[in-house]
Amino acid sequence: MMRRTVLPCSKEPGYEPVVMDTFIGFDSAWTDKASAPGAICAVSVGAGRPAEFHAPRLASFDEALSFIARVRSGSGCTLVALDQPAVVPNESSMRPVERVAASLVSWLGGGVQPANRSKIGMFCAASPVWRFLSTLGASEAPEEARTAVTGLYLVEVFPALALPSLDPAFFGRLAGPRYNPARRKAFQIGHWRRVAAAAAASFDDFLLAEAADWCRTAAENLAPKKADQDKLDAMICLLSALYWRLRPRHQSMMLGCLTNGYIIFPANDDVRAKLTAAAERFGVPAA
């Protein structure tokens, strides 16, 4: 369901509202199983115009393509934040960027699933992600996507790397949230609520009240399912896109490169320092 909120705008004589930019978060679930689809959401913003919020919904790759075609900006820039590796040249093991990411995520108490071409259905030649990217036709040019006036862009994101900057309480040894309901032994409802609250607070900072309200409602769900987490992760992907384009560059980080794989995410000073040190050890670009 699309809902609206009015953002601040200029009232000077002769003022013409800027075009709407659209931001999309897509947690793809990596495969294309009908029983376990991903989730997608979006928001369009422009000074002087109401924001258009498209709440998270479950979506296959094909459904995501239809959704993007329907909500993308007609005159401004559209930025898709995809929670799935989009550059995977390695046949085995893991990408260099994942080694760096794992240094933080493991310290937080989580794990990083390696991406390589041997993973059938995920990154082999016949995997749905490649057809999705080819059909979408988005440019993967992260720095250009920050300032482009028009066009369709895509960046790879990773909610687990975003969370310790959205809520500094998640930054610490074994301090990462256990909010995946599918992991019943580890799942903690308090962590679920904190993640949703952190996302709500970030959307409030962007003056996106409907998106913030969605997150606050999610926080009140005391029996979330895996599909609910996929929707929440799609919202965190959306926040990663908003940070990348609308916040100062130093508030986000890009690990890796377009040749060997990369990830983009919000990064506070603590996260940046820890990952920069790890990137130096592994010889991976970090900015």
Foldseek 3Di string as FASTA:
>chain_A
DKDWDADAADDDPPDDKAFKAKFKFWEQVLFFDPVDGFKMWMWIDTHPDIIITGAIDGDHLVRVLVVCVVPGTPFFEYEYEYAAWPAAPAADDAFLLLQLVQVQLVQLPHGDDGDHCPPPLRRPPPHVSVVSCVVNVADADLVCSQDGGYGYHYAYAHLQLAQCLLPVQSGGGNSHAQPQVVVVVRHDLVSLLVLLQSLLVLCVVVVNNVLSVVSNVLNPPSRDHNNSVSSSSSSQSSSQSCCSRPPPNLQKKWKADNNRTIHIYGDDPVSLVSSVVSCVVSVIDMD
